[in-house]
Amino acid sequence: MSTEKMQASFRLLMLITTPKLAEKALLLFEKGRLPMQIQAYAHGTASREMMDMLGLDSGEKSLLLTVMPKADADDLLVHLRRELRLGLSGSGIAFTVPMSGANKRVLQMVQQLCEEKPRAEIRRKVMQENEYQIIVALVNQGYSEDVMAAARPAGAAGGTVLHSRRIGAEETLRQWGFSIQQEKEAVLILARKEEKLAIMQAICDKCGLQSDAQGIVLAIPVDSVVGLE
């Protein structure tokens, strides 16, 4: 499949929400016969004091990922917004990212299953299409709060932290000045395109490779978003 056709046809849908709402979302995924589902655990960047003041639950989050054709992704965004009431405080956000490559057999399976299921006519209304990007800051463990402290004054509303491990050739990483610390934190920040550069620059200034955080910052374009109403 060509890159052009891939970008037009398939999307990676990502949902960041509470563990309780994630269970409800998984039922929607199963009802839609989506074969590719991945769940990861994360936490929000709001402090415990802030969560208590707002009367919200713990900062624990679930990150759900699935792959599907664009038309089905648009439909699912509408379902998720309605069923999970995305947009309300503490509910979560969902967005899609264009895909530029995947296993051919996997795409064929996803395409066939989506074509076989009955399709209801749904008004495909998605929010803030093409106005947002995902900023990913990969830093040493313990520096996610420093990332958000830098990002908020530059326009970031909040973020989600994933715990991860670095893998790779240590000698090569040393030569290029990258951290050899294995434990990492990935901070995901959904930002408007016009605020992206300022947020990335602020993070790099405080948590870049020359700092103790030794951060790597990148941005990924987002196709459509719901949950920011």
C-alpha atoms as a PDB file:
ATOM      1  CA  MET A   1       0.000   0.000   0.000  1.00  0.00           C
ATOM      2  CA  SER A   2       1.416   3.415  -0.956  1.00  0.00           C
ATOM      3  CA  THR A   3       2.120   6.088   1.647  1.00  0.00           C
ATOM      4  CA  GLU A   4      -0.487   8.379   0.065  1.00  0.00           C
ATOM      5  CA  LYS A   5      -3.191   5.724   0.244  1.00  0.00           C
ATOM      6  CA  MET A   6      -2.186   4.824   3.810  1.00  0.00           C
ATOM      7  CA  GLN A   7      -2.488   8.419   4.995  1.00  0.00           C
ATOM      8  CA  ALA A   8      -5.897   8.770   3.357  1.00  0.00           C
ATOM      9  CA  SER A   9      -7.277   5.434   4.576  1.00  0.00           C
ATOM     10  CA  PHE A  10      -6.046   4.521   8.068  1.00  0.00           C
ATOM     11  CA  ARG A  11      -5.805   6.261  11.415  1.00  0.00           C
ATOM     12  CA  LEU A  12      -4.325   5.465  14.813  1.00  0.00           C
ATOM     13  CA  LEU A  13      -6.960   6.430  17.375  1.00  0.00           C
ATOM     14  CA  MET A  14      -5.713   7.309  20.866  1.00  0.00           C
ATOM     15  CA  LEU A  15      -7.934   7.769  23.926  1.00  0.00           C
ATOM     16  CA  ILE A  16      -6.634   9.153  27.235  1.00  0.00           C
ATOM     17  CA  THR A  17      -9.193   8.800  30.017  1.00  0.00           C
ATOM     18  CA  THR A  18      -9.837   7.468  33.510  1.00  0.00           C
ATOM     19  CA  PRO A  19      -9.531   3.707  34.175  1.00  0.00           C
ATOM     20  CA  LYS A  20     -13.301   3.508  34.765  1.00  0.00           C
ATOM     21  CA  LEU A  21     -14.189   5.179  31.461  1.00  0.00           C
ATOM     22  CA  ALA A  22     -11.509   3.103  29.719  1.00  0.00           C
ATOM     23  CA  GLU A  23     -13.464  -0.045  30.604  1.00  0.00           C
ATOM     24  CA  LYS A  24     -16.527   1.464  28.936  1.00  0.00           C
ATOM     25  CA  ALA A  25     -14.468   2.440  25.905  1.00  0.00           C
ATOM     26  CA  LEU A  26     -13.110  -1.097  25.552  1.00  0.00           C
ATOM     27  CA  LEU A  27     -16.695  -2.361  25.320  1.00  0.00           C
ATOM     28  CA  LEU A  28     -17.255   0.064  22.437  1.00  0.00           C
ATOM     29  CA  PHE A  29     -14.078  -1.187  20.784  1.00  0.00           C
ATOM     30  CA  GLU A  30     -15.202  -4.800  21.135  1.00  0.00           C
ATOM     31  CA  LYS A  31     -18.676  -3.958  19.838  1.00  0.00           C
ATOM     32  CA  GLY A  32     -17.037  -2.407  16.801  1.00  0.00           C
ATOM     33  CA  ARG A  33     -15.015  -5.617  16.265  1.00  0.00           C
ATOM     34  CA  LEU A  34     -11.716  -3.780  16.340  1.00  0.00           C
ATOM     35  CA  PRO A  35      -8.937  -6.392  16.276  1.00  0.00           C
ATOM     36  CA  MET A  36      -6.017  -4.123  17.227  1.00  0.00           C
ATOM     37  CA  GLN A  37      -6.302  -2.777  20.781  1.00  0.00           C
ATOM     38  CA  ILE A  38      -3.486  -1.714  23.106  1.00  0.00           C
ATOM     39  CA  GLN A  39      -3.864  -0.408  26.653  1.00  0.00           C
ATOM     40  CA  ALA A  40      -1.202   1.389  28.677  1.00  0.00           C
ATOM     41  CA  TYR A  41      -1.293   2.951  32.130  1.00  0.00           C
ATOM     42  CA  ALA A  42      -0.273   6.517  32.863  1.00  0.00           C
ATOM     43  CA  HIS A  43      -1.040   9.453  35.138  1.00  0.00           C
ATOM     44  CA  GLY A  44      -2.023  13.052  34.700  1.00  0.00           C
ATOM     45  CA  THR A  45       0.209  16.021  35.528  1.00  0.00           C
ATOM     46  CA  ALA A  46      -2.138  17.787  37.957  1.00  0.00           C
ATOM     47  CA  SER A  47      -0.907  17.776  41.560  1.00  0.00           C
ATOM     48  CA  ARG A  48      -2.689  15.818  44.280  1.00  0.00           C
ATOM     49  CA  GLU A  49      -3.667  19.117  45.943  1.00  0.00           C
ATOM     50  CA  MET A  50      -5.208  20.366  42.703  1.00  0.00           C
ATOM     51  CA  MET A  51      -7.144  17.101  42.216  1.00  0.00           C
ATOM     52  CA  ASP A  52      -8.554  17.354  45.753  1.00  0.00           C
ATOM     53  CA  MET A  53      -9.490  21.010  45.294  1.00  0.00           C
ATOM     54  CA  LEU A  54     -11.421  20.201  42.100  1.00  0.00           C
ATOM     55  CA  GLY A  55     -13.069  17.168  43.655  1.00  0.00           C
ATOM     56  CA  LEU A  56     -11.604  14.801  41.061  1.00  0.00           C
ATOM     57  CA  ASP A  57     -10.459  11.215  41.369  1.00  0.00           C
ATOM     58  CA  SER A  58      -6.804  10.173  41.385  1.00  0.00           C
ATOM     59  CA  GLY A  59      -4.553  11.153  38.532  1.00  0.00           C
ATOM     60  CA  GLU A  60      -4.415   7.601  37.171  1.00  0.00           C
ATOM     61  CA  LYS A  61      -5.081   7.426  33.426  1.00  0.00           C
ATOM     62  CA  SER A  62      -5.487   4.773  30.765  1.00  0.00           C
ATOM     63  CA  LEU A  63      -4.135   5.182  27.244  1.00  0.00           C
ATOM     64  CA  LEU A  64      -6.004   3.134  24.637  1.00  0.00           C
ATOM     65  CA  LEU A  65      -4.821   2.750  21.037  1.00  0.00           C
ATOM     66  CA  THR A  66      -6.517   1.128  18.076  1.00  0.00           C
ATOM     67  CA  VAL A  67      -6.194   1.134  14.273  1.00  0.00           C
ATOM     68  CA  MET A  68      -9.031   1.537  11.783  1.00  0.00           C
ATOM     69  CA  PRO A  69     -10.003   3.127   8.460  1.00  0.00           C
ATOM     70  CA  LYS A  70     -10.532   6.888   8.632  1.00  0.00           C
ATOM     71  CA  ALA A  71     -14.321   6.749   8.160  1.00  0.00           C
ATOM     72  CA  ASP A  72     -14.665   4.308  11.052  1.00  0.00           C
ATOM     73  CA  ALA A  73     -12.315   6.424  13.188  1.00  0.00           C
ATOM     74  CA  ASP A  74     -14.509   9.478  12.611  1.00  0.00           C
ATOM     75  CA  ASP A  75     -17.570   7.474  13.652  1.00  0.00           C
ATOM     76  CA  LEU A  76     -15.851   6.136  16.773  1.00  0.00           C
ATOM     77  CA  LEU A  77     -14.772   9.616  17.840  1.00  0.00           C
ATOM     78  CA  VAL A  78     -18.425  10.658  17.793  1.00  0.00           C
ATOM     79  CA  HIS A  79     -19.425   7.553  19.791  1.00  0.00           C
ATOM     80  CA  LEU A  80     -16.675   8.120  22.350  1.00  0.00           C
ATOM     81  CA  ARG A  81     -17.595  11.759  22.838  1.00  0.00           C
ATOM     82  CA  ARG A  82     -21.251  10.853  23.392  1.00  0.00           C
ATOM     83  CA  GLU A  83     -20.862   7.675  25.466  1.00  0.00           C
ATOM     84  CA  LEU A  84     -17.951   8.840  27.641  1.00  0.00           C
ATOM     85  CA  ARG A  85     -19.140  12.458  27.722  1.00  0.00           C
ATOM     86  CA  LEU A  86     -15.717  13.635  26.621  1.00  0.00           C
ATOM     87  CA  GLY A  87     -15.300  17.333  27.162  1.00  0.00           C
ATOM     88  CA  LEU A  88     -16.566  17.293  30.732  1.00  0.00           C
ATOM     89  CA  SER A  89     -14.004  17.921  33.450  1.00  0.00           C
ATOM     90  CA  GLY A  90     -12.005  14.805  34.253  1.00  0.00           C
ATOM     91  CA  SER A  91     -13.416  12.720  31.387  1.00  0.00           C
ATOM     92  CA  GLY A  92     -10.588  12.613  28.853  1.00  0.00           C
ATOM     93  CA  ILE A  93      -9.727  13.284  25.221  1.00  0.00           C
ATOM     94  CA  ALA A  94      -9.593  11.221  22.041  1.00  0.00           C
ATOM     95  CA  PHE A  95      -7.757  12.008  18.826  1.00  0.00           C
ATOM     96  CA  THR A  96      -6.575  10.397  15.619  1.00  0.00           C
ATOM     97  CA  VAL A  97      -3.156  10.411  13.956  1.00  0.00           C
ATOM     98  CA  PRO A  98      -2.575   9.640  10.238  1.00  0.00           C
ATOM     99  CA  MET A  99      -0.614   6.416   9.654  1.00  0.00           C
ATOM    100  CA  SER A 100       2.277   6.230   7.227  1.00  0.00           C
ATOM    101  CA  GLY A 101       3.047   2.522   7.465  1.00  0.00           C
ATOM    102  CA  ALA A 102       2.022  -0.833   8.977  1.00  0.00           C
ATOM    103  CA  ASN A 103       2.058  -4.575   8.298  1.00  0.00           C
ATOM    104  CA  LYS A 104       0.106  -5.234   5.103  1.00  0.00           C
ATOM    105  CA  ARG A 105      -1.634  -8.281   6.606  1.00  0.00           C
ATOM    106  CA  VAL A 106      -2.750  -6.282   9.644  1.00  0.00           C
ATOM    107  CA  LEU A 107      -4.236  -3.533   7.467  1.00  0.00           C
ATOM    108  CA  GLN A 108      -6.058  -6.090   5.336  1.00  0.00           C
ATOM    109  CA  MET A 109      -7.554  -7.685   8.458  1.00  0.00           C
ATOM    110  CA  VAL A 110      -8.693  -4.339   9.881  1.00  0.00           C
ATOM    111  CA  GLN A 111     -10.123  -3.257   6.533  1.00  0.00           C
ATOM    112  CA  GLN A 112     -12.065  -6.494   6.033  1.00  0.00           C
ATOM    113  CA  LEU A 113     -13.546  -6.571   9.534  1.00  0.00           C
ATOM    114  CA  CYS A 114     -14.650  -2.942   9.295  1.00  0.00           C
ATOM    115  CA  GLU A 115     -16.268  -3.551   5.904  1.00  0.00           C
ATOM    116  CA  GLU A 116     -18.151  -6.600   7.198  1.00  0.00           C
ATOM    117  CA  LYS A 117     -19.826  -4.883  10.140  1.00  0.00           C
ATOM    118  CA  PRO A 118     -23.095  -2.995   9.600  1.00  0.00           C
ATOM    119  CA  ARG A 119     -22.583   0.736   9.319  1.00  0.00           C
ATOM    120  CA  ALA A 120     -25.040   3.179  10.824  1.00  0.00           C
ATOM    121  CA  GLU A 121     -25.384   6.619   9.344  1.00  0.00           C
ATOM    122  CA  ILE A 122     -23.579   8.904  11.751  1.00  0.00           C
ATOM    123  CA  ARG A 123     -22.984  12.586  11.450  1.00  0.00           C
ATOM    124  CA  ARG A 124     -19.205  12.681  11.326  1.00  0.00           C
ATOM    125  CA  LYS A 125     -18.599  15.809  13.320  1.00  0.00           C
ATOM    126  CA  VAL A 126     -15.157  15.988  14.874  1.00  0.00           C
ATOM    127  CA  MET A 127     -13.697  18.818  16.853  1.00  0.00           C
ATOM    128  CA  GLN A 128     -10.757  21.103  16.096  1.00  0.00           C
ATOM    129  CA  GLU A 129      -9.708  19.147  13.026  1.00  0.00           C
ATOM    130  CA  ASN A 130      -6.087  19.722  12.067  1.00  0.00           C
ATOM    131  CA  GLU A 131      -5.625  22.433  14.712  1.00  0.00           C
ATOM    132  CA  TYR A 132      -3.645  20.394  17.237  1.00  0.00           C
ATOM    133  CA  GLN A 133      -0.401  18.482  17.562  1.00  0.00           C
ATOM    134  CA  ILE A 134       0.901  16.047  20.157  1.00  0.00           C
ATOM    135  CA  ILE A 135       4.160  17.110  21.782  1.00  0.00           C
ATOM    136  CA  VAL A 136       6.172  14.210  23.209  1.00  0.00           C
ATOM    137  CA  ALA A 137       8.917  14.969  25.729  1.00  0.00           C
ATOM    138  CA  LEU A 138      11.068  11.969  26.665  1.00  0.00           C
ATOM    139  CA  VAL A 139      13.058  12.734  29.840  1.00  0.00           C
ATOM    140  CA  ASN A 140      14.910  10.950  32.616  1.00  0.00           C
ATOM    141  CA  GLN A 141      12.725   9.530  35.344  1.00  0.00           C
ATOM    142  CA  GLY A 142      11.580  12.121  37.862  1.00  0.00           C
ATOM    143  CA  TYR A 143      11.594  15.130  35.526  1.00  0.00           C
ATOM    144  CA  SER A 144       8.020  15.101  34.189  1.00  0.00           C
ATOM    145  CA  GLU A 145       7.016  17.846  36.648  1.00  0.00           C
ATOM    146  CA  ASP A 146       9.877  20.002  35.374  1.00  0.00           C
ATOM    147  CA  VAL A 147       8.592  19.487  31.820  1.00  0.00           C
ATOM    148  CA  MET A 148       5.116  20.697  32.777  1.00  0.00           C
ATOM    149  CA  ALA A 149       6.531  23.589  34.821  1.00  0.00           C
ATOM    150  CA  ALA A 150       8.237  24.776  31.630  1.00  0.00           C
ATOM    151  CA  ALA A 151       5.344  23.976  29.293  1.00  0.00           C
ATOM    152  CA  ARG A 152       2.455  25.602  31.174  1.00  0.00           C
ATOM    153  CA  PRO A 153       3.667  29.235  30.934  1.00  0.00           C
ATOM    154  CA  ALA A 154       4.160  28.644  27.201  1.00  0.00           C
ATOM    155  CA  GLY A 155       0.522  27.596  26.743  1.00  0.00           C
ATOM    156  CA  ALA A 156       0.209  23.914  27.712  1.00  0.00           C
ATOM    157  CA  ALA A 157      -3.011  23.140  29.582  1.00  0.00           C
ATOM    158  CA  GLY A 158      -1.946  19.725  30.895  1.00  0.00           C
ATOM    159  CA  GLY A 159      -0.256  16.488  30.021  1.00  0.00           C
ATOM    160  CA  THR A 160      -0.142  12.731  30.480  1.00  0.00           C
ATOM    161  CA  VAL A 161       2.914  10.846  31.738  1.00  0.00           C
ATOM    162  CA  LEU A 162       3.899   7.372  30.566  1.00  0.00           C
ATOM    163  CA  HIS A 163       6.672   5.411  32.266  1.00  0.00           C
ATOM    164  CA  SER A 164       9.042   3.657  29.900  1.00  0.00           C
ATOM    165  CA  ARG A 165      12.524   2.207  29.446  1.00  0.00           C
ATOM    166  CA  ARG A 166      15.194   3.181  26.946  1.00  0.00           C
ATOM    167  CA  ILE A 167      16.735   0.478  24.806  1.00  0.00           C
ATOM    168  CA  GLY A 168      19.654   0.932  22.433  1.00  0.00           C
ATOM    169  CA  ALA A 169      23.424   0.830  22.001  1.00  0.00           C
ATOM    170  CA  GLU A 170      24.881   2.682  25.005  1.00  0.00           C
ATOM    171  CA  GLU A 171      28.180   3.554  23.343  1.00  0.00           C
ATOM    172  CA  THR A 172      26.471   5.169  20.363  1.00  0.00           C
ATOM    173  CA  LEU A 173      24.139   7.116  22.648  1.00  0.00           C
ATOM    174  CA  ARG A 174      27.099   8.401  24.691  1.00  0.00           C
ATOM    175  CA  GLN A 175      28.875   9.623  21.545  1.00  0.00           C
ATOM    176  CA  TRP A 176      25.816  11.679  20.563  1.00  0.00           C
ATOM    177  CA  GLY A 177      25.287  13.044  24.065  1.00  0.00           C
ATOM    178  CA  PHE A 178      22.135  11.090  24.902  1.00  0.00           C
ATOM    179  CA  SER A 179      21.354   9.880  28.388  1.00  0.00           C
ATOM    180  CA  ILE A 180      22.239   6.287  29.228  1.00  0.00           C
ATOM    181  CA  GLN A 181      19.703   6.192  32.067  1.00  0.00           C
ATOM    182  CA  GLN A 182      17.237   3.441  31.209  1.00  0.00           C
ATOM    183  CA  GLU A 183      14.193   4.582  33.183  1.00  0.00           C
ATOM    184  CA  LYS A 184      12.371   7.292  31.248  1.00  0.00           C
ATOM    185  CA  GLU A 185       9.156   9.302  31.413  1.00  0.00           C
ATOM    186  CA  ALA A 186       7.265  10.285  28.260  1.00  0.00           C
ATOM    187  CA  VAL A 187       5.126  13.397  28.704  1.00  0.00           C
ATOM    188  CA  LEU A 188       2.326  13.763  26.124  1.00  0.00           C
ATOM    189  CA  ILE A 189       0.944  17.288  25.656  1.00  0.00           C
ATOM    190  CA  LEU A 190      -1.891  18.099  23.235  1.00  0.00           C
ATOM    191  CA  ALA A 191      -1.327  21.651  21.990  1.00  0.00           C
ATOM    192  CA  ARG A 192      -2.599  24.014  19.343  1.00  0.00           C
ATOM    193  CA  LYS A 193      -0.339  24.297  16.314  1.00  0.00           C
ATOM    194  CA  GLU A 194       0.331  27.977  16.934  1.00  0.00           C
ATOM    195  CA  GLU A 195       1.540  27.203  20.493  1.00  0.00           C
ATOM    196  CA  LYS A 196       3.627  24.158  19.563  1.00  0.00           C
ATOM    197  CA  LEU A 197       6.978  25.851  18.928  1.00  0.00           C
ATOM    198  CA  ALA A 198       6.813  27.987  22.083  1.00  0.00           C
ATOM    199  CA  ILE A 199       6.022  24.950  24.241  1.00  0.00           C
ATOM    200  CA  MET A 200       8.733  22.824  22.645  1.00  0.00           C
ATOM    201  CA  GLN A 201      11.307  25.616  23.023  1.00  0.00           C
ATOM    202  CA  ALA A 202      10.376  26.137  26.694  1.00  0.00           C
ATOM    203  CA  ILE A 203      10.785  22.408  27.397  1.00  0.00           C
ATOM    204  CA  CYS A 204      14.109  22.268  25.570  1.00  0.00           C
ATOM    205  CA  ASP A 205      15.418  25.314  27.459  1.00  0.00           C
ATOM    206  CA  LYS A 206      14.696  23.745  30.853  1.00  0.00           C
ATOM    207  CA  CYS A 207      14.796  19.989  30.179  1.00  0.00           C
ATOM    208  CA  GLY A 208      16.903  19.620  27.025  1.00  0.00           C
ATOM    209  CA  LEU A 209      19.888  17.360  26.413  1.00  0.00           C
ATOM    210  CA  GLN A 210      22.243  19.708  28.274  1.00  0.00           C
ATOM    211  CA  SER A 211      20.133  19.538  31.451  1.00  0.00           C
ATOM    212  CA  ASP A 212      19.879  16.804  34.068  1.00  0.00           C
ATOM    213  CA  ALA A 213      16.567  15.763  32.469  1.00  0.00           C
ATOM    214  CA  GLN A 214      18.379  15.127  29.153  1.00  0.00           C
ATOM    215  CA  GLY A 215      15.107  15.451  27.275  1.00  0.00           C
ATOM    216  CA  ILE A 216      14.235  14.724  23.667  1.00  0.00           C
ATOM    217  CA  VAL A 217      11.229  16.663  22.338  1.00  0.00           C
ATOM    218  CA  LEU A 218       9.235  15.974  19.186  1.00  0.00           C
ATOM    219  CA  ALA A 219       5.815  16.794  17.741  1.00  0.00           C
ATOM    220  CA  ILE A 220       3.278  14.635  15.882  1.00  0.00           C
ATOM    221  CA  PRO A 221       0.418  16.084  13.775  1.00  0.00           C
ATOM    222  CA  VAL A 222      -3.098  15.236  14.957  1.00  0.00           C
ATOM    223  CA  ASP A 223      -5.909  14.561  12.489  1.00  0.00           C
ATOM    224  CA  SER A 224      -9.052  15.171  14.598  1.00  0.00           C
ATOM    225  CA  VAL A 225      -9.839  15.706  18.284  1.00  0.00           C
ATOM    226  CA  VAL A 226     -12.826  15.333  20.624  1.00  0.00           C
ATOM    227  CA  GLY A 227     -12.976  16.126  24.329  1.00  0.00           C
ATOM    228  CA  LEU A 228     -11.725  19.729  24.270  1.00  0.00           C
ATOM    229  CA  GLU A 229     -15.115  21.411  24.043  1.00  0.00           C
END
